[in-house]
């Protein structure tokens, strides 16, 4: 289905390209440049077209971001991302992937991360709990996308990190992945799609799913009256683990074991640059037996710093 025919509602939505639109949420944030000292203010990436990975210290680790539009397609990037500090040593990372065609997809993804950022800013100002703020952000984003009234939709994947733990929240098929240094997958989010559920149930092999004709049919998105938020258990974020959030521009072009192998070792910037370069190469130059789907590509990665005497405690969320 082409972007101009994207379907939204109780059945689902398919991806579609479209130019960036204005967001309707007002908040205090800094543009996506992350150079300089450790981050202490939100960074939003809306319609970005980056040529290289941007890195910065964040809490007790380092964060890396890359976001660029689909190669060979007119119109800006429909993905959005955010790095949202929430007090000392605590932050929320987010990726959104818009659908709906025209201006709709990019407006939806921008609203998603802006609504999340606004909810966290409000909670931090008023002394609210982080988990409640994240859930409020998802709910507000859903209503904001519905209020557009144009059949727009977006995914939203977010992870709160702090005190040695990571807790995932997601709607849609954007990826959340936690990888150990030896390549063990410690967390992989379930895609909210018929194909994703079939893989989780053991009815379809993941290597076949990446080529499935219905892979991009998403059954749960922001912008739907029956939107549901999947909240995962807190996972230990060990030294040398890598946490990755990504739009399906990554997962449509690399198998999960390939992604894990790229990010598990090496400097975070170089690992993310190699990951993005591999995905973009496959978009440009399809090869027999390899997945290939030109699309917007956004990823956010976090890796804790290695330090002695590090303790793991449950964050107050």
C-alpha atoms as a PDB file:
ATOM      1  CA  UNK A   1       0.000   0.000   0.000  1.00  0.00           C
ATOM      2  CA  UNK A   2       1.337   3.418  -0.906  1.00  0.00           C
ATOM      3  CA  UNK A   3       1.676   6.183   1.682  1.00  0.00           C
ATOM      4  CA  UNK A   4      -1.298   8.114   0.343  1.00  0.00           C
ATOM      5  CA  UNK A   5      -3.470   5.076   1.031  1.00  0.00           C
ATOM      6  CA  UNK A   6      -2.219   4.331   4.558  1.00  0.00           C
ATOM      7  CA  UNK A   7      -4.900   2.850   6.810  1.00  0.00           C
ATOM      8  CA  UNK A   8      -5.186   3.826  10.475  1.00  0.00           C
ATOM      9  CA  UNK A   9      -7.625   2.583  13.091  1.00  0.00           C
ATOM     10  CA  UNK A  10      -8.485  -0.648  14.860  1.00  0.00           C
ATOM     11  CA  UNK A  11      -6.908  -2.732  12.075  1.00  0.00           C
ATOM     12  CA  UNK A  12      -3.515  -1.035  11.821  1.00  0.00           C
ATOM     13  CA  UNK A  13      -1.223   1.095   9.697  1.00  0.00           C
ATOM     14  CA  UNK A  14       1.379   0.703   7.019  1.00  0.00           C
ATOM     15  CA  UNK A  15       4.447   2.876   6.679  1.00  0.00           C
ATOM     16  CA  UNK A  16       4.524   5.748   4.213  1.00  0.00           C
ATOM     17  CA  UNK A  17       6.862   8.625   3.369  1.00  0.00           C
ATOM     18  CA  UNK A  18       5.950  12.259   3.851  1.00  0.00           C
ATOM     19  CA  UNK A  19       7.431  15.696   4.534  1.00  0.00           C
ATOM     20  CA  UNK A  20       7.993  17.020   8.002  1.00  0.00           C
ATOM     21  CA  UNK A  21       5.311  19.042   9.751  1.00  0.00           C
ATOM     22  CA  UNK A  22       5.066  21.396  12.692  1.00  0.00           C
ATOM     23  CA  UNK A  23       4.620  20.014  16.209  1.00  0.00           C
ATOM     24  CA  UNK A  24       1.870  21.377  18.458  1.00  0.00           C
ATOM     25  CA  UNK A  25       3.523  20.751  21.837  1.00  0.00           C
ATOM     26  CA  UNK A  26       5.458  23.575  23.487  1.00  0.00           C
ATOM     27  CA  UNK A  27       8.353  22.828  25.823  1.00  0.00           C
ATOM     28  CA  UNK A  28      11.860  23.952  26.647  1.00  0.00           C
ATOM     29  CA  UNK A  29      14.402  21.892  24.750  1.00  0.00           C
ATOM     30  CA  UNK A  30      17.692  22.197  22.922  1.00  0.00           C
ATOM     31  CA  UNK A  31      18.147  21.284  19.269  1.00  0.00           C
ATOM     32  CA  UNK A  32      19.780  17.988  18.397  1.00  0.00           C
ATOM     33  CA  UNK A  33      23.442  19.078  18.676  1.00  0.00           C
ATOM     34  CA  UNK A  34      24.962  17.001  21.513  1.00  0.00           C
ATOM     35  CA  UNK A  35      28.509  18.369  21.470  1.00  0.00           C
ATOM     36  CA  UNK A  36      29.958  19.720  24.690  1.00  0.00           C
ATOM     37  CA  UNK A  37      29.566  18.687  28.352  1.00  0.00           C
ATOM     38  CA  UNK A  38      27.308  15.891  29.694  1.00  0.00           C
ATOM     39  CA  UNK A  39      23.678  16.331  28.732  1.00  0.00           C
ATOM     40  CA  UNK A  40      21.444  18.007  31.306  1.00  0.00           C
ATOM     41  CA  UNK A  41      18.653  19.223  28.997  1.00  0.00           C
ATOM     42  CA  UNK A  42      16.388  17.421  26.487  1.00  0.00           C
ATOM     43  CA  UNK A  43      17.674  16.886  22.956  1.00  0.00           C
ATOM     44  CA  UNK A  44      15.070  16.293  20.237  1.00  0.00           C
ATOM     45  CA  UNK A  45      15.807  15.042  16.715  1.00  0.00           C
ATOM     46  CA  UNK A  46      12.919  15.980  14.407  1.00  0.00           C
ATOM     47  CA  UNK A  47      13.207  15.427  10.666  1.00  0.00           C
ATOM     48  CA  UNK A  48      16.981  15.159  11.021  1.00  0.00           C
ATOM     49  CA  UNK A  49      19.275  14.326   8.113  1.00  0.00           C
ATOM     50  CA  UNK A  50      22.546  13.516   9.848  1.00  0.00           C
ATOM     51  CA  UNK A  51      25.719  12.545   8.035  1.00  0.00           C
ATOM     52  CA  UNK A  52      27.432  11.107  11.106  1.00  0.00           C
ATOM     53  CA  UNK A  53      26.693   9.737  14.557  1.00  0.00           C
ATOM     54  CA  UNK A  54      26.401  12.290  17.364  1.00  0.00           C
ATOM     55  CA  UNK A  55      27.684  11.254  20.829  1.00  0.00           C
ATOM     56  CA  UNK A  56      27.662  12.770  24.312  1.00  0.00           C
ATOM     57  CA  UNK A  57      28.159  11.737  27.947  1.00  0.00           C
ATOM     58  CA  UNK A  58      24.851  10.935  29.642  1.00  0.00           C
ATOM     59  CA  UNK A  59      24.580  10.054  33.321  1.00  0.00           C
ATOM     60  CA  UNK A  60      26.924   7.167  34.053  1.00  0.00           C
ATOM     61  CA  UNK A  61      27.473   6.349  30.392  1.00  0.00           C
ATOM     62  CA  UNK A  62      27.519   7.561  26.807  1.00  0.00           C
ATOM     63  CA  UNK A  63      24.691   8.044  24.322  1.00  0.00           C
ATOM     64  CA  UNK A  64      24.906   7.987  20.516  1.00  0.00           C
ATOM     65  CA  UNK A  65      22.252   9.115  18.020  1.00  0.00           C
ATOM     66  CA  UNK A  66      21.903   8.830  14.253  1.00  0.00           C
ATOM     67  CA  UNK A  67      18.890   9.824  12.164  1.00  0.00           C
ATOM     68  CA  UNK A  68      18.595  10.296   8.390  1.00  0.00           C
ATOM     69  CA  UNK A  69      15.953  10.166   5.694  1.00  0.00           C
ATOM     70  CA  UNK A  70      15.377   7.355   3.246  1.00  0.00           C
ATOM     71  CA  UNK A  71      17.920   7.350   0.405  1.00  0.00           C
ATOM     72  CA  UNK A  72      16.537   8.405  -2.959  1.00  0.00           C
ATOM     73  CA  UNK A  73      13.188   9.589  -1.586  1.00  0.00           C
ATOM     74  CA  UNK A  74      11.959  13.143  -1.797  1.00  0.00           C
ATOM     75  CA  UNK A  75      10.790  14.642   1.464  1.00  0.00           C
ATOM     76  CA  UNK A  76      12.323  14.827   4.928  1.00  0.00           C
ATOM     77  CA  UNK A  77      12.871  12.097   7.475  1.00  0.00           C
ATOM     78  CA  UNK A  78       9.624  10.889   9.138  1.00  0.00           C
ATOM     79  CA  UNK A  79      11.445   9.469  12.168  1.00  0.00           C
ATOM     80  CA  UNK A  80      12.062  11.334  15.424  1.00  0.00           C
ATOM     81  CA  UNK A  81      14.221  10.670  18.466  1.00  0.00           C
ATOM     82  CA  UNK A  82      14.860  12.135  21.895  1.00  0.00           C
ATOM     83  CA  UNK A  83      17.419  12.026  24.698  1.00  0.00           C
ATOM     84  CA  UNK A  84      15.696  13.251  27.862  1.00  0.00           C
ATOM     85  CA  UNK A  85      17.700  13.631  31.103  1.00  0.00           C
ATOM     86  CA  UNK A  86      15.576  13.337  34.263  1.00  0.00           C
ATOM     87  CA  UNK A  87      17.784  14.357  37.151  1.00  0.00           C
ATOM     88  CA  UNK A  88      21.212  13.032  38.141  1.00  0.00           C
ATOM     89  CA  UNK A  89      22.027   9.688  36.530  1.00  0.00           C
ATOM     90  CA  UNK A  90      18.520   9.118  35.119  1.00  0.00           C
ATOM     91  CA  UNK A  91      17.250   9.624  31.558  1.00  0.00           C
ATOM     92  CA  UNK A  92      14.726   8.467  28.982  1.00  0.00           C
ATOM     93  CA  UNK A  93      15.676   7.562  25.415  1.00  0.00           C
ATOM     94  CA  UNK A  94      13.030   7.477  22.673  1.00  0.00           C
ATOM     95  CA  UNK A  95      12.512   6.713  18.989  1.00  0.00           C
ATOM     96  CA  UNK A  96       9.330   7.311  16.959  1.00  0.00           C
ATOM     97  CA  UNK A  97       8.568   6.244  13.380  1.00  0.00           C
ATOM     98  CA  UNK A  98       5.692   8.051  11.689  1.00  0.00           C
ATOM     99  CA  UNK A  99       3.122   6.607   9.295  1.00  0.00           C
ATOM    100  CA  UNK A 100       0.264   8.077   7.332  1.00  0.00           C
ATOM    101  CA  UNK A 101       1.769   9.704   4.264  1.00  0.00           C
ATOM    102  CA  UNK A 102       1.974  13.353   3.256  1.00  0.00           C
ATOM    103  CA  UNK A 103       2.731  15.623   6.209  1.00  0.00           C
ATOM    104  CA  UNK A 104       1.050  13.208   8.610  1.00  0.00           C
ATOM    105  CA  UNK A 105       3.817  10.756   9.484  1.00  0.00           C
ATOM    106  CA  UNK A 106       6.450  13.327  10.379  1.00  0.00           C
ATOM    107  CA  UNK A 107       3.980  15.415  12.364  1.00  0.00           C
ATOM    108  CA  UNK A 108       2.926  12.312  14.305  1.00  0.00           C
ATOM    109  CA  UNK A 109       6.466  11.237  15.205  1.00  0.00           C
ATOM    110  CA  UNK A 110       7.386  14.794  16.220  1.00  0.00           C
ATOM    111  CA  UNK A 111       4.308  15.015  18.444  1.00  0.00           C
ATOM    112  CA  UNK A 112       5.216  11.688  20.041  1.00  0.00           C
ATOM    113  CA  UNK A 113       8.649  12.736  21.281  1.00  0.00           C
ATOM    114  CA  UNK A 114       7.547  16.299  22.062  1.00  0.00           C
ATOM    115  CA  UNK A 115       4.640  15.040  24.185  1.00  0.00           C
ATOM    116  CA  UNK A 116       6.940  12.651  26.029  1.00  0.00           C
ATOM    117  CA  UNK A 117       9.487  15.412  26.642  1.00  0.00           C
ATOM    118  CA  UNK A 118       6.794  17.797  27.885  1.00  0.00           C
ATOM    119  CA  UNK A 119       5.393  15.207  30.303  1.00  0.00           C
ATOM    120  CA  UNK A 120       8.862  14.524  31.738  1.00  0.00           C
ATOM    121  CA  UNK A 121       9.618  18.241  32.033  1.00  0.00           C
ATOM    122  CA  UNK A 122       6.366  18.745  33.924  1.00  0.00           C
ATOM    123  CA  UNK A 123       7.019  15.806  36.256  1.00  0.00           C
ATOM    124  CA  UNK A 124      10.562  16.950  36.999  1.00  0.00           C
ATOM    125  CA  UNK A 125       9.312  20.445  37.798  1.00  0.00           C
ATOM    126  CA  UNK A 126       6.486  19.178  40.041  1.00  0.00           C
ATOM    127  CA  UNK A 127       8.342  16.289  41.689  1.00  0.00           C
ATOM    128  CA  UNK A 128       6.350  13.610  39.871  1.00  0.00           C
ATOM    129  CA  UNK A 129       7.338   9.963  39.413  1.00  0.00           C
ATOM    130  CA  UNK A 130       9.190   9.046  36.255  1.00  0.00           C
ATOM    131  CA  UNK A 131       7.105   6.001  35.330  1.00  0.00           C
ATOM    132  CA  UNK A 132       3.879   8.000  35.613  1.00  0.00           C
ATOM    133  CA  UNK A 133       5.407  10.767  33.514  1.00  0.00           C
ATOM    134  CA  UNK A 134       6.379   8.329  30.745  1.00  0.00           C
ATOM    135  CA  UNK A 135       2.908   6.777  30.649  1.00  0.00           C
ATOM    136  CA  UNK A 136       1.331  10.240  30.649  1.00  0.00           C
ATOM    137  CA  UNK A 137       3.608  11.173  27.754  1.00  0.00           C
ATOM    138  CA  UNK A 138       2.443   8.171  25.725  1.00  0.00           C
ATOM    139  CA  UNK A 139      -1.227   8.957  26.453  1.00  0.00           C
ATOM    140  CA  UNK A 140      -0.845  12.630  25.574  1.00  0.00           C
ATOM    141  CA  UNK A 141       1.027  11.746  22.398  1.00  0.00           C
ATOM    142  CA  UNK A 142      -1.740   9.369  21.364  1.00  0.00           C
ATOM    143  CA  UNK A 143      -4.374  12.052  21.873  1.00  0.00           C
ATOM    144  CA  UNK A 144      -2.278  14.666  20.052  1.00  0.00           C
ATOM    145  CA  UNK A 145      -1.933  12.397  17.015  1.00  0.00           C
ATOM    146  CA  UNK A 146      -5.656  11.579  17.095  1.00  0.00           C
ATOM    147  CA  UNK A 147      -6.419  15.298  17.265  1.00  0.00           C
ATOM    148  CA  UNK A 148      -4.616  15.852  13.969  1.00  0.00           C
ATOM    149  CA  UNK A 149      -7.673  14.244  12.397  1.00  0.00           C
ATOM    150  CA  UNK A 150      -5.836  13.156   9.253  1.00  0.00           C
ATOM    151  CA  UNK A 151      -5.326   9.430   9.817  1.00  0.00           C
ATOM    152  CA  UNK A 152      -1.772   9.838  11.079  1.00  0.00           C
ATOM    153  CA  UNK A 153       0.023   7.315  13.260  1.00  0.00           C
ATOM    154  CA  UNK A 154       3.429   6.682  14.765  1.00  0.00           C
ATOM    155  CA  UNK A 155       5.304   4.140  16.795  1.00  0.00           C
ATOM    156  CA  UNK A 156       6.982   5.151  20.045  1.00  0.00           C
ATOM    157  CA  UNK A 157       9.679   3.182  21.847  1.00  0.00           C
ATOM    158  CA  UNK A 158      11.172   4.528  25.081  1.00  0.00           C
ATOM    159  CA  UNK A 159      13.526   3.239  27.746  1.00  0.00           C
ATOM    160  CA  UNK A 160      14.155   4.735  31.166  1.00  0.00           C
ATOM    161  CA  UNK A 161      17.730   4.251  32.360  1.00  0.00           C
ATOM    162  CA  UNK A 162      19.176   4.878  35.787  1.00  0.00           C
ATOM    163  CA  UNK A 163      21.020   3.280  38.703  1.00  0.00           C
ATOM    164  CA  UNK A 164      22.078   0.296  36.665  1.00  0.00           C
ATOM    165  CA  UNK A 165      18.639  -0.599  35.302  1.00  0.00           C
ATOM    166  CA  UNK A 166      16.670  -0.144  32.083  1.00  0.00           C
ATOM    167  CA  UNK A 167      12.878  -0.391  31.719  1.00  0.00           C
ATOM    168  CA  UNK A 168      11.281  -0.501  28.233  1.00  0.00           C
ATOM    169  CA  UNK A 169       7.963   0.982  27.075  1.00  0.00           C
ATOM    170  CA  UNK A 170       6.714   0.685  23.510  1.00  0.00           C
ATOM    171  CA  UNK A 171       3.865   0.988  21.046  1.00  0.00           C
ATOM    172  CA  UNK A 172       4.359  -0.351  17.523  1.00  0.00           C
ATOM    173  CA  UNK A 173       7.282  -2.049  15.825  1.00  0.00           C
ATOM    174  CA  UNK A 174      10.271   0.170  16.627  1.00  0.00           C
ATOM    175  CA  UNK A 175      13.027  -1.947  18.160  1.00  0.00           C
ATOM    176  CA  UNK A 176      14.368  -2.039  21.703  1.00  0.00           C
ATOM    177  CA  UNK A 177      17.405  -4.287  22.109  1.00  0.00           C
ATOM    178  CA  UNK A 178      19.765  -4.894  25.040  1.00  0.00           C
ATOM    179  CA  UNK A 179      22.974  -6.687  24.076  1.00  0.00           C
ATOM    180  CA  UNK A 180      25.777  -8.010  26.271  1.00  0.00           C
ATOM    181  CA  UNK A 181      29.445  -7.677  25.359  1.00  0.00           C
ATOM    182  CA  UNK A 182      29.536 -11.286  24.142  1.00  0.00           C
ATOM    183  CA  UNK A 183      26.495 -10.754  21.925  1.00  0.00           C
ATOM    184  CA  UNK A 184      23.841 -12.282  24.183  1.00  0.00           C
ATOM    185  CA  UNK A 185      20.410 -10.730  23.622  1.00  0.00           C
ATOM    186  CA  UNK A 186      19.201  -9.722  27.086  1.00  0.00           C
ATOM    187  CA  UNK A 187      16.094  -7.895  25.874  1.00  0.00           C
ATOM    188  CA  UNK A 188      14.299  -7.733  22.532  1.00  0.00           C
ATOM    189  CA  UNK A 189      10.948  -5.982  22.225  1.00  0.00           C
ATOM    190  CA  UNK A 190       8.054  -7.715  20.473  1.00  0.00           C
ATOM    191  CA  UNK A 191       6.895  -5.995  17.316  1.00  0.00           C
ATOM    192  CA  UNK A 192       3.212  -5.075  17.579  1.00  0.00           C
ATOM    193  CA  UNK A 193       2.279  -6.639  14.278  1.00  0.00           C
ATOM    194  CA  UNK A 194       0.814  -9.944  13.095  1.00  0.00           C
ATOM    195  CA  UNK A 195       4.243 -10.989  11.833  1.00  0.00           C
ATOM    196  CA  UNK A 196       5.912  -9.971  15.092  1.00  0.00           C
ATOM    197  CA  UNK A 197       3.410 -11.934  17.161  1.00  0.00           C
ATOM    198  CA  UNK A 198       3.849 -14.953  14.876  1.00  0.00           C
ATOM    199  CA  UNK A 199       7.608 -14.873  15.481  1.00  0.00           C
ATOM    200  CA  UNK A 200       7.096 -14.585  19.238  1.00  0.00           C
ATOM    201  CA  UNK A 201       4.673 -17.540  19.192  1.00  0.00           C
ATOM    202  CA  UNK A 202       7.153 -19.685  17.272  1.00  0.00           C
ATOM    203  CA  UNK A 203       4.932 -19.878  14.199  1.00  0.00           C
ATOM    204  CA  UNK A 204       7.364 -17.989  11.959  1.00  0.00           C
ATOM    205  CA  UNK A 205      11.150 -17.946  11.913  1.00  0.00           C
ATOM    206  CA  UNK A 206      12.763 -14.528  12.362  1.00  0.00           C
ATOM    207  CA  UNK A 207      14.921 -15.060   9.271  1.00  0.00           C
ATOM    208  CA  UNK A 208      11.746 -15.523   7.216  1.00  0.00           C
ATOM    209  CA  UNK A 209       9.858 -12.709   8.930  1.00  0.00           C
ATOM    210  CA  UNK A 210      12.249 -10.048   7.672  1.00  0.00           C
ATOM    211  CA  UNK A 211      11.175 -10.906   4.097  1.00  0.00           C
ATOM    212  CA  UNK A 212       7.448 -11.387   4.849  1.00  0.00           C
ATOM    213  CA  UNK A 213       5.092  -9.368   2.638  1.00  0.00           C
ATOM    214  CA  UNK A 214       3.013  -8.265   5.671  1.00  0.00           C
ATOM    215  CA  UNK A 215       5.971  -7.322   7.863  1.00  0.00           C
ATOM    216  CA  UNK A 216       5.073  -3.624   7.796  1.00  0.00           C
ATOM    217  CA  UNK A 217       1.460  -4.035   8.844  1.00  0.00           C
ATOM    218  CA  UNK A 218       1.428  -2.576  12.376  1.00  0.00           C
ATOM    219  CA  UNK A 219      -1.485  -3.459  14.646  1.00  0.00           C
ATOM    220  CA  UNK A 220      -0.821  -1.033  17.523  1.00  0.00           C
ATOM    221  CA  UNK A 221       0.168   2.614  17.041  1.00  0.00           C
ATOM    222  CA  UNK A 222      -0.177   6.036  18.565  1.00  0.00           C
ATOM    223  CA  UNK A 223      -3.097   7.675  16.804  1.00  0.00           C
ATOM    224  CA  UNK A 224      -5.528   4.793  17.429  1.00  0.00           C
ATOM    225  CA  UNK A 225      -8.417   4.900  19.954  1.00  0.00           C
ATOM    226  CA  UNK A 226      -7.448   1.438  21.231  1.00  0.00           C
ATOM    227  CA  UNK A 227      -3.717   2.152  21.574  1.00  0.00           C
ATOM    228  CA  UNK A 228      -2.043   0.043  24.264  1.00  0.00           C
ATOM    229  CA  UNK A 229       1.334   0.574  25.925  1.00  0.00           C
ATOM    230  CA  UNK A 230       3.572  -2.417  26.564  1.00  0.00           C
ATOM    231  CA  UNK A 231       5.670  -1.915  29.700  1.00  0.00           C
ATOM    232  CA  UNK A 232       8.526  -4.328  30.328  1.00  0.00           C
ATOM    233  CA  UNK A 233      10.225  -5.365  33.525  1.00  0.00           C
ATOM    234  CA  UNK A 234      13.330  -3.483  34.646  1.00  0.00           C
ATOM    235  CA  UNK A 235      16.471  -5.171  33.320  1.00  0.00           C
ATOM    236  CA  UNK A 236      19.970  -4.959  34.750  1.00  0.00           C
ATOM    237  CA  UNK A 237      22.149  -2.683  32.646  1.00  0.00           C
ATOM    238  CA  UNK A 238      25.617  -4.079  33.226  1.00  0.00           C
ATOM    239  CA  UNK A 239      28.951  -2.546  32.376  1.00  0.00           C
ATOM    240  CA  UNK A 240      29.736  -3.168  28.679  1.00  0.00           C
ATOM    241  CA  UNK A 241      26.055  -3.804  27.805  1.00  0.00           C
ATOM    242  CA  UNK A 242      24.678  -1.807  24.882  1.00  0.00           C
ATOM    243  CA  UNK A 243      21.075  -0.584  24.811  1.00  0.00           C
ATOM    244  CA  UNK A 244      19.690   0.184  21.352  1.00  0.00           C
ATOM    245  CA  UNK A 245      16.443   1.755  20.164  1.00  0.00           C
ATOM    246  CA  UNK A 246      15.815   1.930  16.415  1.00  0.00           C
ATOM    247  CA  UNK A 247      13.190   2.503  13.750  1.00  0.00           C
ATOM    248  CA  UNK A 248      12.456  -0.273  11.286  1.00  0.00           C
ATOM    249  CA  UNK A 249      14.917   1.241   8.841  1.00  0.00           C
ATOM    250  CA  UNK A 250      17.432  -0.780  10.840  1.00  0.00           C
ATOM    251  CA  UNK A 251      15.480  -3.972  11.563  1.00  0.00           C
ATOM    252  CA  UNK A 252      14.318  -4.221   7.930  1.00  0.00           C
ATOM    253  CA  UNK A 253      17.896  -4.266   6.673  1.00  0.00           C
ATOM    254  CA  UNK A 254      19.811  -6.295   9.256  1.00  0.00           C
ATOM    255  CA  UNK A 255      18.945  -9.460  11.147  1.00  0.00           C
ATOM    256  CA  UNK A 256      18.964  -9.149  14.942  1.00  0.00           C
ATOM    257  CA  UNK A 257      22.167 -11.241  15.362  1.00  0.00           C
ATOM    258  CA  UNK A 258      23.901  -8.926  12.868  1.00  0.00           C
ATOM    259  CA  UNK A 259      22.771  -5.873  14.824  1.00  0.00           C
ATOM    260  CA  UNK A 260      23.994  -7.404  18.078  1.00  0.00           C
ATOM    261  CA  UNK A 261      27.348  -8.237  16.552  1.00  0.00           C
ATOM    262  CA  UNK A 262      27.818  -4.651  15.360  1.00  0.00           C
ATOM    263  CA  UNK A 263      27.091  -2.984  18.720  1.00  0.00           C
ATOM    264  CA  UNK A 264      28.423  -5.418  21.304  1.00  0.00           C
ATOM    265  CA  UNK A 265      32.055  -4.227  21.273  1.00  0.00           C
ATOM    266  CA  UNK A 266      34.213  -1.304  20.210  1.00  0.00           C
ATOM    267  CA  UNK A 267      33.759   2.393  20.858  1.00  0.00           C
ATOM    268  CA  UNK A 268      30.076   3.321  20.808  1.00  0.00           C
ATOM    269  CA  UNK A 269      30.410   5.970  18.099  1.00  0.00           C
ATOM    270  CA  UNK A 270      32.306   3.656  15.751  1.00  0.00           C
ATOM    271  CA  UNK A 271      29.929   0.760  16.428  1.00  0.00           C
ATOM    272  CA  UNK A 272      26.894   2.903  15.593  1.00  0.00           C
ATOM    273  CA  UNK A 273      28.555   4.377  12.507  1.00  0.00           C
ATOM    274  CA  UNK A 274      29.300   0.867  11.213  1.00  0.00           C
ATOM    275  CA  UNK A 275      25.729  -0.218  11.979  1.00  0.00           C
ATOM    276  CA  UNK A 276      24.207   2.753  10.149  1.00  0.00           C
ATOM    277  CA  UNK A 277      26.602   2.345   7.220  1.00  0.00           C
ATOM    278  CA  UNK A 278      25.688  -1.326   6.791  1.00  0.00           C
ATOM    279  CA  UNK A 279      21.963  -0.576   6.858  1.00  0.00           C
ATOM    280  CA  UNK A 280      22.339   2.277   4.366  1.00  0.00           C
ATOM    281  CA  UNK A 281      24.502   0.185   2.054  1.00  0.00           C
ATOM    282  CA  UNK A 282      21.837  -2.503   1.912  1.00  0.00           C
ATOM    283  CA  UNK A 283      19.204   0.117   1.149  1.00  0.00           C
ATOM    284  CA  UNK A 284      21.283   1.431  -1.766  1.00  0.00           C
ATOM    285  CA  UNK A 285      22.753  -1.822  -3.076  1.00  0.00           C
ATOM    286  CA  UNK A 286      20.542  -4.889  -2.576  1.00  0.00           C
ATOM    287  CA  UNK A 287      22.455  -8.168  -2.538  1.00  0.00           C
ATOM    288  CA  UNK A 288      21.110 -11.651  -3.048  1.00  0.00           C
ATOM    289  CA  UNK A 289      20.074 -13.241   0.227  1.00  0.00           C
ATOM    290  CA  UNK A 290      20.331  -9.999   2.216  1.00  0.00           C
ATOM    291  CA  UNK A 291      17.338  -7.931   3.380  1.00  0.00           C
ATOM    292  CA  UNK A 292      16.951  -4.582   1.647  1.00  0.00           C
ATOM    293  CA  UNK A 293      14.298  -1.897   2.133  1.00  0.00           C
ATOM    294  CA  UNK A 294      15.015   1.826   1.646  1.00  0.00           C
ATOM    295  CA  UNK A 295      13.557   3.725   4.585  1.00  0.00           C
ATOM    296  CA  UNK A 296      14.253   6.411   7.139  1.00  0.00           C
ATOM    297  CA  UNK A 297      16.840   5.215   9.654  1.00  0.00           C
ATOM    298  CA  UNK A 298      17.059   6.306  13.280  1.00  0.00           C
ATOM    299  CA  UNK A 299      18.937   4.750  16.172  1.00  0.00           C
ATOM    300  CA  UNK A 300      19.727   5.736  19.746  1.00  0.00           C
ATOM    301  CA  UNK A 301      22.318   3.714  21.671  1.00  0.00           C
ATOM    302  CA  UNK A 302      23.506   3.889  25.269  1.00  0.00           C
ATOM    303  CA  UNK A 303      26.393   2.158  26.981  1.00  0.00           C
ATOM    304  CA  UNK A 304      27.335   2.480  30.681  1.00  0.00           C
ATOM    305  CA  UNK A 305      30.830   3.499  31.582  1.00  0.00           C
ATOM    306  CA  UNK A 306      32.962   0.826  33.215  1.00  0.00           C
ATOM    307  CA  UNK A 307      33.687   1.759  36.824  1.00  0.00           C
ATOM    308  CA  UNK A 308      34.792  -0.001  39.976  1.00  0.00           C
ATOM    309  CA  UNK A 309      32.438  -0.644  42.847  1.00  0.00           C
ATOM    310  CA  UNK A 310      29.346  -0.089  40.758  1.00  0.00           C
ATOM    311  CA  UNK A 311      26.121  -1.084  42.499  1.00  0.00           C
ATOM    312  CA  UNK A 312      22.776  -1.924  40.941  1.00  0.00           C
ATOM    313  CA  UNK A 313      19.654  -0.553  42.602  1.00  0.00           C
ATOM    314  CA  UNK A 314      16.049  -0.251  41.517  1.00  0.00           C
ATOM    315  CA  UNK A 315      15.249   3.293  40.398  1.00  0.00           C
ATOM    316  CA  UNK A 316      12.438   5.171  42.151  1.00  0.00           C
ATOM    317  CA  UNK A 317       9.916   5.252  39.317  1.00  0.00           C
END
